[in-house]
Amino acid sequence: MSDRILTLPPDTLAFLQRHNLLRKLVRCEVVEETIGTVQLEDGELEQSRQRFKQRHGIGNPDLEQAFQRQNGLSDEALAWQMTLPPRISHYVREHFLPKAESHFLERKNQLDQVVYSLIRVGDPYLARELYLRIADEEASFADLAASHSEGPEKAARGLVGPVPLTQAHPALAERLRTTSKGILHEPFRLEKWWLILRLESYRPARFDDAMADRMARELFEQWVDSETNLRLTNLTAAYPFPTV
């Protein structure tokens, strides 16, 4: 940990802690120390500045100065914020991209997405009746879900997703994982409900360039959180805060 935080007066540290700002400060320090030496090309610097200005609507000098005043930013602080995203991206690609695929394989079950139709009712006889009406094509799944389902899927006419497969109840997720698209499942019990289920689409996650960048960024964020936790632990152990 740098001297900047260690030399802060205990009452200042207590103030930051009381307002839930201490962790944010330590985390910012971790990121700054980590990426501070990353060098950007002139073209990257200009591109990052333009993106920042566009995102915050500060396309002319007057608006930029007003933005600085409103946020209490010096020229140096504004320049740092403008170049922070590409600096992080450079560091992430260099240090975490090689580990991205193994992280993806560990997370794949959480990344696969499904779209499915669902009706849930408390009455098993009603569930059977609705199932037969759908199976015999007397009514559509969507219409019966809208009129009879007793869960939040009712508002979407029974359609759920796309959502991560792991977001569903484990028993429901297992059925979705092993079924085929378009197969109508007979009513089955899950806790207090009787469910009718049909898989509409299964979207397995693919390890492409976008996914590689996402996984690398996740690893970076995990590392930053871990380092932040360690520094906070050391800080609070070394400097007991006054009772307020």
Protein backbone atom coordinates (compact mmCIF):
# COMPACT_ATOMS: atom_id res chain seq x y z
CA MET A 1 0.00 0.00 0.00
CA SER A 2 1.33 3.47 -0.88
CA ASP A 3 2.05 6.17 1.66
CA ARG A 4 -0.86 8.25 0.36
CA ILE A 5 -3.42 6.27 2.32
CA LEU A 6 -1.19 5.19 5.19
CA THR A 7 -0.35 8.81 6.03
CA LEU A 8 -3.95 9.98 6.14
CA PRO A 9 -5.01 11.06 9.65
CA PRO A 10 -7.02 8.40 11.52
CA ASP A 11 -10.06 10.68 11.71
CA THR A 12 -9.97 11.10 7.91
CA LEU A 13 -9.81 7.33 7.48
CA ALA A 14 -12.72 6.98 9.90
CA PHE A 15 -14.70 9.56 7.91
CA LEU A 16 -14.09 7.64 4.68
CA GLN A 17 -15.07 4.40 6.36
CA ARG A 18 -18.22 5.89 7.87
CA HIS A 19 -19.41 7.04 4.46
CA ASN A 20 -18.48 3.77 2.75
CA LEU A 21 -15.73 5.47 0.73
CA LEU A 22 -12.64 3.77 2.14
CA ARG A 23 -12.97 0.64 0.04
CA LYS A 24 -13.51 2.71 -3.10
CA LEU A 25 -10.39 4.75 -2.32
CA VAL A 26 -8.25 1.65 -1.75
CA ARG A 27 -9.61 0.04 -4.90
CA CYS A 28 -8.77 3.12 -6.95
CA GLU A 29 -5.27 3.03 -5.52
CA VAL A 30 -4.86 -0.62 -6.52
CA VAL A 31 -5.97 0.12 -10.08
CA GLU A 32 -3.79 3.23 -10.40
CA GLU A 33 -0.68 1.48 -9.12
CA THR A 34 -1.35 -1.47 -11.41
CA ILE A 35 -1.91 0.37 -14.68
CA GLY A 36 0.03 3.57 -14.01
CA THR A 37 2.96 2.54 -16.20
CA VAL A 38 0.85 1.51 -19.20
CA GLN A 39 1.81 3.59 -22.22
CA LEU A 40 -0.68 4.55 -24.93
CA GLU A 41 -0.03 5.58 -28.50
CA ASP A 42 -0.98 9.12 -29.53
CA GLY A 43 -3.88 7.81 -31.58
CA GLU A 44 -5.23 5.82 -28.64
CA LEU A 45 -4.95 8.85 -26.37
CA GLU A 46 -6.92 11.04 -28.74
CA GLN A 47 -9.54 8.35 -29.34
CA SER A 48 -10.06 7.84 -25.61
CA ARG A 49 -10.42 11.59 -25.09
CA GLN A 50 -13.04 11.87 -27.80
CA ARG A 51 -15.00 8.90 -26.43
CA PHE A 52 -15.00 10.42 -22.95
CA LYS A 53 -16.18 13.78 -24.26
CA GLN A 54 -18.93 12.19 -26.30
CA ARG A 55 -20.11 10.04 -23.39
CA HIS A 56 -20.34 13.04 -21.06
CA GLY A 57 -21.57 15.55 -23.62
CA ILE A 58 -18.60 17.92 -23.30
CA GLY A 59 -17.81 18.51 -26.94
CA ASN A 60 -16.54 22.10 -26.61
CA PRO A 61 -14.12 23.86 -24.22
CA ASP A 62 -16.86 25.68 -22.29
CA LEU A 63 -18.73 22.45 -21.56
CA GLU A 64 -15.48 20.73 -20.63
CA GLN A 65 -14.59 23.46 -18.13
CA ALA A 66 -18.09 23.33 -16.66
CA PHE A 67 -17.75 19.56 -16.27
CA GLN A 68 -14.45 20.03 -14.44
CA ARG A 69 -15.95 22.59 -12.07
CA GLN A 70 -19.01 20.46 -11.33
CA ASN A 71 -16.86 17.44 -10.53
CA GLY A 72 -13.93 19.22 -8.89
CA LEU A 73 -11.44 17.93 -11.46
CA SER A 74 -8.06 19.42 -12.24
CA ASP A 75 -6.68 19.20 -15.77
CA GLU A 76 -4.48 16.31 -14.67
CA ALA A 77 -7.37 14.45 -13.03
CA LEU A 78 -9.55 14.89 -16.10
CA ALA A 79 -6.77 13.62 -18.37
CA TRP A 80 -6.38 10.56 -16.14
CA GLN A 81 -10.08 9.74 -16.26
CA MET A 82 -10.11 10.13 -20.02
CA THR A 83 -7.33 7.58 -20.50
CA LEU A 84 -8.30 5.15 -17.75
CA PRO A 85 -10.41 2.72 -19.87
CA PRO A 86 -7.76 2.05 -22.55
CA ARG A 87 -5.02 1.71 -19.94
CA ILE A 88 -7.07 -0.94 -18.17
CA SER A 89 -7.79 -2.69 -21.48
CA HIS A 90 -4.09 -2.82 -22.33
CA TYR A 91 -3.19 -4.26 -18.94
CA VAL A 92 -6.02 -6.79 -19.05
CA ARG A 93 -5.03 -8.06 -22.49
CA GLU A 94 -1.39 -8.41 -21.54
CA HIS A 95 -1.78 -10.05 -18.14
CA PHE A 96 -5.15 -11.84 -18.13
CA LEU A 97 -6.04 -12.70 -21.72
CA PRO A 98 -3.81 -15.83 -21.64
CA LYS A 99 -5.93 -17.15 -18.75
CA ALA A 100 -9.28 -16.26 -20.32
CA GLU A 101 -10.07 -19.60 -21.96
CA SER A 102 -9.57 -21.67 -18.81
CA HIS A 103 -11.77 -19.20 -16.91
CA PHE A 104 -14.39 -19.52 -19.65
CA LEU A 105 -14.42 -23.32 -19.31
CA GLU A 106 -14.94 -23.00 -15.56
CA ARG A 107 -17.81 -20.57 -16.10
CA LYS A 108 -19.40 -22.11 -19.18
CA ASN A 109 -22.44 -23.57 -17.42
CA GLN A 110 -23.18 -20.09 -16.07
CA LEU A 111 -22.73 -18.49 -19.48
CA ASP A 112 -24.92 -20.80 -21.57
CA GLN A 113 -28.30 -19.15 -22.15
CA VAL A 114 -31.76 -20.54 -22.73
CA VAL A 115 -35.16 -19.30 -23.84
CA TYR A 116 -38.08 -21.39 -22.66
CA SER A 117 -41.83 -21.32 -22.24
CA LEU A 118 -43.23 -22.02 -18.79
CA ILE A 119 -46.62 -22.39 -17.16
CA ARG A 120 -46.85 -22.91 -13.42
CA VAL A 121 -50.04 -23.64 -11.53
CA GLY A 122 -50.85 -25.03 -8.12
CA ASP A 123 -53.56 -27.45 -9.31
CA PRO A 124 -52.25 -30.69 -10.88
CA TYR A 125 -55.56 -31.31 -12.69
CA LEU A 126 -55.45 -27.87 -14.28
CA ALA A 127 -51.84 -28.48 -15.27
CA ARG A 128 -52.84 -31.70 -17.01
CA GLU A 129 -55.72 -30.01 -18.80
CA LEU A 130 -53.51 -27.18 -20.04
CA TYR A 131 -50.84 -29.62 -21.18
CA LEU A 132 -53.35 -31.61 -23.24
CA ARG A 133 -54.78 -28.48 -24.83
CA ILE A 134 -51.29 -27.44 -25.94
CA ALA A 135 -50.34 -30.95 -27.07
CA ASP A 136 -53.57 -31.29 -29.08
CA GLU A 137 -53.04 -27.81 -30.54
CA GLU A 138 -56.36 -26.59 -29.15
CA ALA A 139 -54.63 -23.51 -27.75
CA SER A 140 -51.21 -21.91 -27.88
CA PHE A 141 -48.72 -22.11 -25.04
CA ALA A 142 -48.53 -18.32 -24.96
CA ASP A 143 -52.28 -17.81 -24.64
CA LEU A 144 -52.66 -20.36 -21.85
CA ALA A 145 -49.66 -18.97 -19.98
CA ALA A 146 -51.12 -15.47 -20.18
CA SER A 147 -54.47 -16.62 -18.84
CA HIS A 148 -53.52 -19.33 -16.32
CA SER A 149 -49.87 -19.18 -15.20
CA GLU A 150 -49.43 -18.09 -11.60
CA GLY A 151 -45.83 -16.88 -11.74
CA PRO A 152 -44.06 -13.77 -13.08
CA GLU A 153 -43.78 -15.42 -16.52
CA LYS A 154 -47.52 -14.74 -16.91
CA ALA A 155 -46.76 -11.13 -17.90
CA ALA A 156 -44.52 -12.33 -20.76
CA ARG A 157 -47.06 -14.92 -21.96
CA GLY A 158 -44.94 -17.69 -20.50
CA LEU A 159 -41.71 -16.78 -22.27
CA VAL A 160 -38.57 -16.69 -20.14
CA GLY A 161 -35.20 -15.55 -21.40
CA PRO A 162 -32.72 -15.38 -22.77
CA VAL A 163 -31.29 -16.05 -19.32
CA PRO A 164 -28.27 -17.97 -18.01
CA LEU A 165 -29.10 -21.64 -17.62
CA THR A 166 -27.99 -21.55 -14.00
CA GLN A 167 -30.57 -18.87 -13.18
CA ALA A 168 -33.29 -21.51 -13.24
CA HIS A 169 -34.01 -23.89 -10.35
CA PRO A 170 -31.45 -26.75 -10.52
CA ALA A 171 -34.14 -29.33 -11.34
CA LEU A 172 -35.55 -27.11 -14.06
CA ALA A 173 -32.08 -26.35 -15.41
CA GLU A 174 -31.33 -30.07 -15.69
CA ARG A 175 -34.46 -30.64 -17.78
CA LEU A 176 -33.57 -27.72 -20.02
CA ARG A 177 -30.03 -29.00 -20.41
CA THR A 178 -31.11 -32.49 -21.49
CA THR A 179 -34.21 -31.77 -23.58
CA SER A 180 -34.55 -30.84 -27.24
CA LYS A 181 -35.96 -27.67 -28.73
CA GLY A 182 -39.73 -27.72 -29.11
CA ILE A 183 -40.39 -30.76 -26.89
CA LEU A 184 -43.41 -30.20 -24.66
CA HIS A 185 -42.86 -31.65 -21.19
CA GLU A 186 -45.74 -33.25 -19.35
CA PRO A 187 -46.62 -31.54 -16.07
CA PHE A 188 -44.10 -32.23 -13.33
CA ARG A 189 -43.97 -31.11 -9.74
CA LEU A 190 -41.39 -28.66 -8.45
CA GLU A 191 -41.84 -27.59 -4.86
CA LYS A 192 -45.43 -26.31 -4.56
CA TRP A 193 -45.96 -25.90 -8.32
CA TRP A 194 -46.92 -28.01 -11.27
CA LEU A 195 -44.93 -26.94 -14.32
CA ILE A 196 -45.38 -27.30 -18.06
CA LEU A 197 -42.16 -26.66 -19.92
CA ARG A 198 -40.94 -26.25 -23.48
CA LEU A 199 -37.44 -25.31 -24.57
CA GLU A 200 -37.51 -22.63 -27.26
CA SER A 201 -33.79 -22.18 -27.82
CA TYR A 202 -30.48 -23.16 -26.26
CA ARG A 203 -27.57 -20.80 -26.79
CA PRO A 204 -24.28 -22.36 -25.72
CA ALA A 205 -21.63 -19.79 -24.91
CA ARG A 206 -18.83 -19.57 -27.46
CA PHE A 207 -15.25 -18.60 -26.77
CA ASP A 208 -14.82 -15.88 -29.37
CA ASP A 209 -12.85 -12.65 -29.17
CA ALA A 210 -15.62 -10.81 -27.33
CA MET A 211 -15.95 -13.62 -24.78
CA ALA A 212 -12.17 -13.75 -24.33
CA ASP A 213 -12.14 -10.03 -23.52
CA ARG A 214 -15.04 -10.48 -21.11
CA MET A 215 -13.38 -13.37 -19.28
CA ALA A 216 -10.07 -11.52 -19.07
CA ARG A 217 -11.82 -8.48 -17.62
CA GLU A 218 -13.59 -10.69 -15.06
CA LEU A 219 -10.24 -12.10 -13.95
CA PHE A 220 -8.82 -8.60 -13.64
CA GLU A 221 -11.78 -7.43 -11.54
CA GLN A 222 -11.45 -10.50 -9.31
CA TRP A 223 -7.76 -9.79 -8.79
CA VAL A 224 -8.43 -6.12 -7.99
CA ASP A 225 -11.13 -7.11 -5.47
CA SER A 226 -8.79 -9.61 -3.83
CA GLU A 227 -5.96 -7.09 -3.58
CA THR A 228 -8.37 -4.48 -2.24
CA ASN A 229 -9.59 -6.88 0.45
CA LEU A 230 -6.01 -7.63 1.49
CA ARG A 231 -5.07 -3.97 1.74
CA LEU A 232 -8.20 -3.10 3.70
CA THR A 233 -7.49 -5.91 6.14
CA ASN A 234 -3.93 -4.69 6.66
CA LEU A 235 -5.05 -1.09 6.97
CA THR A 236 -7.73 -1.72 9.57
CA ALA A 237 -5.38 -3.99 11.54
CA ALA A 238 -2.63 -1.38 11.62
CA TYR A 239 -4.82 1.65 12.29
CA PRO A 240 -7.74 1.12 14.68
CA PHE A 241 -10.32 3.75 13.87
CA PRO A 242 -11.68 6.05 16.55
CA THR A 243 -15.18 5.31 17.77
CA VAL A 244 -17.69 7.82 16.44
